[in-house]
All heavy atoms as atom14 arrays in JSON, in Angstrom:
{
  "sequence": "ARQALERAQLNPTDLDLIIVATDTPDYLSPATASAV",
  "atom14_mask": [
    [1, 1, 1, 1, 1, 0, 0, 0, 0, 0, 0, 0, 0, 0],
    [1, 1, 1, 1, 1, 1, 1, 1, 1, 1, 1, 0, 0, 0],
    [1, 1, 1, 1, 1, 1, 1, 1, 1, 0, 0, 0, 0, 0],
    [1, 1, 1, 1, 1, 0, 0, 0, 0, 0, 0, 0, 0, 0],
    [1, 1, 1, 1, 1, 1, 1, 1, 0, 0, 0, 0, 0, 0],
    [1, 1, 1, 1, 1, 1, 1, 1, 1, 0, 0, 0, 0, 0],
    [1, 1, 1, 1, 1, 1, 1, 1, 1, 1, 1, 0, 0, 0],
    [1, 1, 1, 1, 1, 0, 0, 0, 0, 0, 0, 0, 0, 0],
    [1, 1, 1, 1, 1, 1, 1, 1, 1, 0, 0, 0, 0, 0],
    [1, 1, 1, 1, 1, 1, 1, 1, 0, 0, 0, 0, 0, 0],
    [1, 1, 1, 1, 1, 1, 1, 1, 0, 0, 0, 0, 0, 0],
    [1, 1, 1, 1, 1, 1, 1, 0, 0, 0, 0, 0, 0, 0],
    [1, 1, 1, 1, 1, 1, 1, 0, 0, 0, 0, 0, 0, 0],
    [1, 1, 1, 1, 1, 1, 1, 1, 0, 0, 0, 0, 0, 0],
    [1, 1, 1, 1, 1, 1, 1, 1, 0, 0, 0, 0, 0, 0],
    [1, 1, 1, 1, 1, 1, 1, 1, 0, 0, 0, 0, 0, 0],
    [1, 1, 1, 1, 1, 1, 1, 1, 0, 0, 0, 0, 0, 0],
    [1, 1, 1, 1, 1, 1, 1, 1, 0, 0, 0, 0, 0, 0],
    [1, 1, 1, 1, 1, 1, 1, 1, 0, 0, 0, 0, 0, 0],
    [1, 1, 1, 1, 1, 1, 1, 0, 0, 0, 0, 0, 0, 0],
    [1, 1, 1, 1, 1, 0, 0, 0, 0, 0, 0, 0, 0, 0],
    [1, 1, 1, 1, 1, 1, 1, 0, 0, 0, 0, 0, 0, 0],
    [1, 1, 1, 1, 1, 1, 1, 1, 0, 0, 0, 0, 0, 0],
    [1, 1, 1, 1, 1, 1, 1, 0, 0, 0, 0, 0, 0, 0],
    [1, 1, 1, 1, 1, 1, 1, 0, 0, 0, 0, 0, 0, 0],
    [1, 1, 1, 1, 1, 1, 1, 1, 0, 0, 0, 0, 0, 0],
    [1, 1, 1, 1, 1, 1, 1, 1, 1, 1, 1, 1, 0, 0],
    [1, 1, 1, 1, 1, 1, 1, 1, 0, 0, 0, 0, 0, 0],
    [1, 1, 1, 1, 1, 1, 0, 0, 0, 0, 0, 0, 0, 0],
    [1, 1, 1, 1, 1, 1, 1, 0, 0, 0, 0, 0, 0, 0],
    [1, 1, 1, 1, 1, 0, 0, 0, 0, 0, 0, 0, 0, 0],
    [1, 1, 1, 1, 1, 1, 1, 0, 0, 0, 0, 0, 0, 0],
    [1, 1, 1, 1, 1, 0, 0, 0, 0, 0, 0, 0, 0, 0],
    [1, 1, 1, 1, 1, 1, 0, 0, 0, 0, 0, 0, 0, 0],
    [1, 1, 1, 1, 1, 0, 0, 0, 0, 0, 0, 0, 0, 0],
    [1, 1, 1, 1, 1, 1, 1, 0, 0, 0, 0, 0, 0, 0]
  ],
  "atom14_positions": [
    [[0.83, -1.21, 0.0], [0.0, 0.0, 0.0], [0.86, 1.26, 0.0], [0.54, 2.24, -0.7], [-0.92, -0.01, 1.21], [0.0, 0.0, 0.0], [0.0, 0.0, 0.0], [0.0, 0.0, 0.0], [0.0, 0.0, 0.0], [0.0, 0.0, 0.0], [0.0, 0.0, 0.0], [0.0, 0.0, 0.0], [0.0, 0.0, 0.0], [0.0, 0.0, 0.0]],
    [[1.92, 1.25, 0.77], [2.81, 2.43, 0.8], [3.39, 2.7, -0.58], [3.5, 3.86, -1.01], [3.93, 2.21, 1.81], [3.48, 2.34, 3.26], [4.68, 2.34, 4.2], [4.26, 2.56, 5.58], [4.54, 1.74, 6.59], [5.26, 0.66, 6.38], [4.12, 2.01, 7.81], [0.0, 0.0, 0.0], [0.0, 0.0, 0.0], [0.0, 0.0, 0.0]],
    [[3.77, 1.64, -1.28], [4.32, 1.81, -2.62], [3.27, 2.41, -3.56], [3.55, 3.32, -4.35], [4.81, 0.48, -3.15], [5.57, 0.56, -4.45], [6.11, -0.79, -4.87], [5.34, -1.68, -5.26], [7.41, -0.97, -4.8], [0.0, 0.0, 0.0], [0.0, 0.0, 0.0], [0.0, 0.0, 0.0], [0.0, 0.0, 0.0], [0.0, 0.0, 0.0]],
    [[2.04, 1.89, -3.48], [0.98, 2.4, -4.35], [0.65, 3.85, -4.02], [0.44, 4.67, -4.93], [-0.27, 1.52, -4.2], [0.0, 0.0, 0.0], [0.0, 0.0, 0.0], [0.0, 0.0, 0.0], [0.0, 0.0, 0.0], [0.0, 0.0, 0.0], [0.0, 0.0, 0.0], [0.0, 0.0, 0.0], [0.0, 0.0, 0.0], [0.0, 0.0, 0.0]],
    [[0.59, 4.19, -2.75], [0.31, 5.58, -2.36], [1.39, 6.52, -2.86], [1.09, 7.62, -3.35], [0.2, 5.67, -0.83], [-1.08, 5.14, -0.21], [-0.91, 4.98, 1.3], [-2.26, 6.08, -0.51], [0.0, 0.0, 0.0], [0.0, 0.0, 0.0], [0.0, 0.0, 0.0], [0.0, 0.0, 0.0], [0.0, 0.0, 0.0], [0.0, 0.0, 0.0]],
    [[2.64, 6.12, -2.74], [3.75, 6.96, -3.21], [3.64, 7.2, -4.71], [3.82, 8.33, -5.2], [5.08, 6.3, -2.87], [6.29, 7.13, -3.29], [7.6, 6.46, -2.92], [7.58, 5.46, -2.18], [8.66, 6.95, -3.38], [0.0, 0.0, 0.0], [0.0, 0.0, 0.0], [0.0, 0.0, 0.0], [0.0, 0.0, 0.0], [0.0, 0.0, 0.0]],
    [[3.33, 6.15, -5.45], [3.21, 6.3, -6.9], [2.01, 7.15, -7.29], [2.03, 7.82, -8.33], [3.11, 4.91, -7.55], [4.4, 4.11, -7.47], [4.19, 2.69, -7.95], [5.43, 1.93, -7.97], [5.49, 0.62, -8.16], [4.37, -0.08, -8.34], [6.65, 0.0, -8.15], [0.0, 0.0, 0.0], [0.0, 0.0, 0.0], [0.0, 0.0, 0.0]],
    [[0.95, 7.1, -6.48], [-0.23, 7.93, -6.75], [-0.07, 9.35, -6.23], [-0.95, 10.18, -6.43], [-1.46, 7.29, -6.11], [0.0, 0.0, 0.0], [0.0, 0.0, 0.0], [0.0, 0.0, 0.0], [0.0, 0.0, 0.0], [0.0, 0.0, 0.0], [0.0, 0.0, 0.0], [0.0, 0.0, 0.0], [0.0, 0.0, 0.0], [0.0, 0.0, 0.0]],
    [[1.06, 9.61, -5.55], [1.34, 10.92, -4.94], [0.22, 11.31, -3.96], [-0.26, 12.44, -3.94], [1.54, 11.98, -6.02], [2.71, 11.69, -6.94], [2.95, 12.78, -7.97], [2.06, 13.54, -8.32], [4.17, 12.85, -8.48], [0.0, 0.0, 0.0], [0.0, 0.0, 0.0], [0.0, 0.0, 0.0], [0.0, 0.0, 0.0], [0.0, 0.0, 0.0]],
    [[-0.13, 10.32, -3.12], [-1.14, 10.52, -2.1], [-0.56, 10.22, -0.73], [0.42, 9.47, -0.6], [-2.35, 9.62, -2.34], [-3.17, 9.87, -3.6], [-4.2, 8.75, -3.77], [-3.86, 11.23, -3.55], [0.0, 0.0, 0.0], [0.0, 0.0, 0.0], [0.0, 0.0, 0.0], [0.0, 0.0, 0.0], [0.0, 0.0, 0.0], [0.0, 0.0, 0.0]],
    [[-1.18, 10.79, 0.3], [-0.84, 10.49, 1.68], [-1.81, 9.44, 2.23], [-2.95, 9.34, 1.75], [-0.92, 11.75, 2.54], [0.1, 12.79, 2.12], [1.28, 12.48, 1.93], [-0.35, 14.03, 1.98], [0.0, 0.0, 0.0], [0.0, 0.0, 0.0], [0.0, 0.0, 0.0], [0.0, 0.0, 0.0], [0.0, 0.0, 0.0], [0.0, 0.0, 0.0]],
    [[-1.41, 8.68, 3.23], [-2.34, 7.73, 3.83], [-3.65, 8.37, 4.3], [-4.71, 7.75, 4.22], [-1.54, 7.15, 5.0], [-0.11, 7.28, 4.57], [-0.05, 8.56, 3.8], [0.0, 0.0, 0.0], [0.0, 0.0, 0.0], [0.0, 0.0, 0.0], [0.0, 0.0, 0.0], [0.0, 0.0, 0.0], [0.0, 0.0, 0.0], [0.0, 0.0, 0.0]],
    [[-3.57, 9.61, 4.76], [-4.77, 10.29, 5.25], [-5.71, 10.69, 4.12], [-6.84, 11.13, 4.38], [-4.4, 11.53, 6.07], [-3.49, 12.34, 5.32], [-3.77, 11.13, 7.4], [0.0, 0.0, 0.0], [0.0, 0.0, 0.0], [0.0, 0.0, 0.0], [0.0, 0.0, 0.0], [0.0, 0.0, 0.0], [0.0, 0.0, 0.0], [0.0, 0.0, 0.0]],
    [[-5.29, 10.52, 2.87], [-6.19, 10.77, 1.74], [-7.16, 9.62, 1.51], [-8.18, 9.79, 0.83], [-5.39, 11.0, 0.45], [-4.6, 12.29, 0.45], [-5.11, 13.29, 0.99], [-3.46, 12.29, -0.06], [0.0, 0.0, 0.0], [0.0, 0.0, 0.0], [0.0, 0.0, 0.0], [0.0, 0.0, 0.0], [0.0, 0.0, 0.0], [0.0, 0.0, 0.0]],
    [[-6.85, 8.45, 2.06], [-7.69, 7.27, 1.83], [-9.01, 7.39, 2.57], [-9.05, 7.74, 3.75], [-6.97, 6.01, 2.28], [-5.74, 5.58, 1.46], [-5.05, 4.39, 2.11], [-6.14, 5.26, 0.01], [0.0, 0.0, 0.0], [0.0, 0.0, 0.0], [0.0, 0.0, 0.0], [0.0, 0.0, 0.0], [0.0, 0.0, 0.0], [0.0, 0.0, 0.0]],
    [[-10.09, 7.05, 1.87], [-11.42, 7.03, 2.47], [-11.85, 5.63, 2.89], [-12.72, 5.48, 3.74], [-12.45, 7.58, 1.46], [-12.14, 9.01, 1.07], [-12.18, 9.89, 1.94], [-11.84, 9.23, -0.12], [0.0, 0.0, 0.0], [0.0, 0.0, 0.0], [0.0, 0.0, 0.0], [0.0, 0.0, 0.0], [0.0, 0.0, 0.0], [0.0, 0.0, 0.0]],
    [[-11.24, 4.6, 2.28], [-11.64, 3.22, 2.56], [-10.47, 2.3, 2.25], [-9.74, 2.52, 1.28], [-12.85, 2.84, 1.7], [-13.41, 1.43, 1.84], [-13.94, 1.18, 3.25], [-14.52, 1.19, 0.81], [0.0, 0.0, 0.0], [0.0, 0.0, 0.0], [0.0, 0.0, 0.0], [0.0, 0.0, 0.0], [0.0, 0.0, 0.0], [0.0, 0.0, 0.0]],
    [[-10.31, 1.28, 3.08], [-9.32, 0.24, 2.87], [-10.04, -1.1, 2.82], [-10.73, -1.47, 3.78], [-8.26, 0.21, 4.0], [-7.47, 1.52, 4.02], [-7.33, -0.99, 3.83], [-6.57, 1.65, 5.24], [0.0, 0.0, 0.0], [0.0, 0.0, 0.0], [0.0, 0.0, 0.0], [0.0, 0.0, 0.0], [0.0, 0.0, 0.0], [0.0, 0.0, 0.0]],
    [[-9.9, -1.81, 1.7], [-10.46, -3.15, 1.56], [-9.29, -4.12, 1.4], [-8.47, -3.96, 0.49], [-11.39, -3.27, 0.34], [-12.43, -2.15, 0.32], [-12.07, -4.63, 0.32], [-13.28, -2.12, -0.95], [0.0, 0.0, 0.0], [0.0, 0.0, 0.0], [0.0, 0.0, 0.0], [0.0, 0.0, 0.0], [0.0, 0.0, 0.0], [0.0, 0.0, 0.0]],
    [[-9.23, -5.11, 2.27], [-8.18, -6.13, 2.18], [-8.84, -7.46, 1.84], [-9.67, -7.96, 2.6], [-7.38, -6.24, 3.49], [-6.41, -7.43, 3.4], [-6.61, -4.95, 3.76], [0.0, 0.0, 0.0], [0.0, 0.0, 0.0], [0.0, 0.0, 0.0], [0.0, 0.0, 0.0], [0.0, 0.0, 0.0], [0.0, 0.0, 0.0], [0.0, 0.0, 0.0]],
    [[-8.46, -8.02, 0.71], [-8.93, -9.33, 0.29], [-7.94, -10.37, 0.79], [-6.78, -10.37, 0.37], [-9.06, -9.39, -1.22], [0.0, 0.0, 0.0], [0.0, 0.0, 0.0], [0.0, 0.0, 0.0], [0.0, 0.0, 0.0], [0.0, 0.0, 0.0], [0.0, 0.0, 0.0], [0.0, 0.0, 0.0], [0.0, 0.0, 0.0], [0.0, 0.0, 0.0]],
    [[-8.38, -11.24, 1.68], [-7.49, -12.27, 2.21], [-8.29, -13.39, 2.83], [-9.38, -13.17, 3.36], [-6.51, -11.69, 3.25], [-5.56, -12.69, 3.62], [-7.24, -11.18, 4.49], [0.0, 0.0, 0.0], [0.0, 0.0, 0.0], [0.0, 0.0, 0.0], [0.0, 0.0, 0.0], [0.0, 0.0, 0.0], [0.0, 0.0, 0.0], [0.0, 0.0, 0.0]],
    [[-7.75, -14.6, 2.77], [-8.27, -15.7, 3.57], [-7.18, -16.23, 4.5], [-7.31, -17.33, 5.05], [-8.87, -16.8, 2.7], [-7.92, -17.35, 1.65], [-6.81, -16.8, 1.51], [-8.27, -18.33, 0.97], [0.0, 0.0, 0.0], [0.0, 0.0, 0.0], [0.0, 0.0, 0.0], [0.0, 0.0, 0.0], [0.0, 0.0, 0.0], [0.0, 0.0, 0.0]],
    [[-6.12, -15.43, 4.67], [-5.09, -15.7, 5.68], [-4.91, -14.44, 6.52], [-3.85, -13.83, 6.54], [-3.75, -16.1, 5.02], [-3.31, -15.02, 4.16], [-3.9, -17.37, 4.21], [0.0, 0.0, 0.0], [0.0, 0.0, 0.0], [0.0, 0.0, 0.0], [0.0, 0.0, 0.0], [0.0, 0.0, 0.0], [0.0, 0.0, 0.0], [0.0, 0.0, 0.0]],
    [[-5.95, -14.03, 7.25], [-5.9, -12.77, 7.99], [-4.96, -12.85, 9.19], [-4.58, -13.94, 9.65], [-7.35, -12.59, 8.45], [-7.88, -13.99, 8.58], [-7.23, -14.75, 7.45], [0.0, 0.0, 0.0], [0.0, 0.0, 0.0], [0.0, 0.0, 0.0], [0.0, 0.0, 0.0], [0.0, 0.0, 0.0], [0.0, 0.0, 0.0], [0.0, 0.0, 0.0]],
    [[-4.61, -11.69, 9.72], [-3.82, -11.66, 10.95], [-4.58, -12.36, 12.08], [-3.99, -13.09, 12.87], [-3.56, -10.21, 11.37], [-2.48, -9.53, 10.53], [-2.1, -10.09, 9.48], [-2.03, -8.44, 10.93], [0.0, 0.0, 0.0], [0.0, 0.0, 0.0], [0.0, 0.0, 0.0], [0.0, 0.0, 0.0], [0.0, 0.0, 0.0], [0.0, 0.0, 0.0]],
    [[-5.87, -12.09, 12.17], [-6.72, -12.66, 13.21], [-8.04, -13.11, 12.58], [-8.43, -12.62, 11.53], [-7.06, -11.62, 14.29], [-6.0, -10.6, 14.59], [-6.14, -9.27, 14.19], [-4.86, -10.95, 15.31], [-5.18, -8.32, 14.48], [-3.88, -10.0, 15.6], [-4.05, -8.68, 15.18], [-3.1, -7.74, 15.46], [0.0, 0.0, 0.0], [0.0, 0.0, 0.0]],
    [[-8.74, -14.03, 13.27], [-10.12, -14.31, 12.86], [-10.94, -13.03, 12.96], [-11.81, -12.76, 12.14], [-10.73, -15.39, 13.74], [-10.39, -16.84, 13.4], [-11.03, -17.79, 14.4], [-10.84, -17.2, 11.99], [0.0, 0.0, 0.0], [0.0, 0.0, 0.0], [0.0, 0.0, 0.0], [0.0, 0.0, 0.0], [0.0, 0.0, 0.0], [0.0, 0.0, 0.0]],
    [[-10.7, -12.25, 13.99], [-11.35, -10.96, 14.19], [-10.45, -10.15, 15.1], [-9.85, -10.71, 16.04], [-12.73, -11.17, 14.84], [-13.38, -9.95, 15.07], [0.0, 0.0, 0.0], [0.0, 0.0, 0.0], [0.0, 0.0, 0.0], [0.0, 0.0, 0.0], [0.0, 0.0, 0.0], [0.0, 0.0, 0.0], [0.0, 0.0, 0.0], [0.0, 0.0, 0.0]],
    [[-10.26, -8.87, 14.86], [-10.91, -8.01, 13.87], [-10.25, -8.09, 12.5], [-9.33, -8.88, 12.28], [-10.72, -6.62, 14.48], [-9.4, -6.72, 15.19], [-9.38, -8.11, 15.77], [0.0, 0.0, 0.0], [0.0, 0.0, 0.0], [0.0, 0.0, 0.0], [0.0, 0.0, 0.0], [0.0, 0.0, 0.0], [0.0, 0.0, 0.0], [0.0, 0.0, 0.0]],
    [[-10.73, -7.22, 11.61], [-10.28, -7.24, 10.23], [-8.81, -6.86, 10.1], [-8.31, -5.95, 10.78], [-11.12, -6.28, 9.39], [0.0, 0.0, 0.0], [0.0, 0.0, 0.0], [0.0, 0.0, 0.0], [0.0, 0.0, 0.0], [0.0, 0.0, 0.0], [0.0, 0.0, 0.0], [0.0, 0.0, 0.0], [0.0, 0.0, 0.0], [0.0, 0.0, 0.0]],
    [[-8.12, -7.55, 9.21], [-6.74, -7.2, 8.88], [-6.66, -5.79, 8.32], [-5.66, -5.08, 8.52], [-6.17, -8.21, 7.88], [-6.15, -9.51, 8.5], [-4.77, -7.86, 7.43], [0.0, 0.0, 0.0], [0.0, 0.0, 0.0], [0.0, 0.0, 0.0], [0.0, 0.0, 0.0], [0.0, 0.0, 0.0], [0.0, 0.0, 0.0], [0.0, 0.0, 0.0]],
    [[-7.71, -5.33, 7.65], [-7.73, -3.97, 7.1], [-7.58, -2.93, 8.2], [-7.0, -1.86, 7.98], [-9.03, -3.73, 6.32], [0.0, 0.0, 0.0], [0.0, 0.0, 0.0], [0.0, 0.0, 0.0], [0.0, 0.0, 0.0], [0.0, 0.0, 0.0], [0.0, 0.0, 0.0], [0.0, 0.0, 0.0], [0.0, 0.0, 0.0], [0.0, 0.0, 0.0]],
    [[-8.08, -3.22, 9.4], [-7.92, -2.28, 10.5], [-6.47, -2.19, 10.95], [-5.97, -1.12, 11.29], [-8.82, -2.69, 11.67], [-10.18, -2.53, 11.34], [0.0, 0.0, 0.0], [0.0, 0.0, 0.0], [0.0, 0.0, 0.0], [0.0, 0.0, 0.0], [0.0, 0.0, 0.0], [0.0, 0.0, 0.0], [0.0, 0.0, 0.0], [0.0, 0.0, 0.0]],
    [[-5.78, -3.34, 10.95], [-4.35, -3.33, 11.28], [-3.57, -2.55, 10.23], [-2.64, -1.81, 10.54], [-3.83, -4.76, 11.39], [0.0, 0.0, 0.0], [0.0, 0.0, 0.0], [0.0, 0.0, 0.0], [0.0, 0.0, 0.0], [0.0, 0.0, 0.0], [0.0, 0.0, 0.0], [0.0, 0.0, 0.0], [0.0, 0.0, 0.0], [0.0, 0.0, 0.0]],
    [[-3.96, -2.7, 8.96], [-3.31, -1.95, 7.88], [-3.55, -0.45, 8.06], [-2.62, 0.36, 7.9], [-3.82, -2.42, 6.5], [-3.32, -1.52, 5.39], [-3.41, -3.87, 6.25], [0.0, 0.0, 0.0], [0.0, 0.0, 0.0], [0.0, 0.0, 0.0], [0.0, 0.0, 0.0], [0.0, 0.0, 0.0], [0.0, 0.0, 0.0], [0.0, 0.0, 0.0]]
  ]
}
């Protein structure tokens, strides 16, 4: 994500939504997207 943001010339605080597609999450709950 950091690489993509840098190439898009955006800051992390510009993001309105984070969707993480995974079936190997950090935890069963909560969402890995929250950790990201």
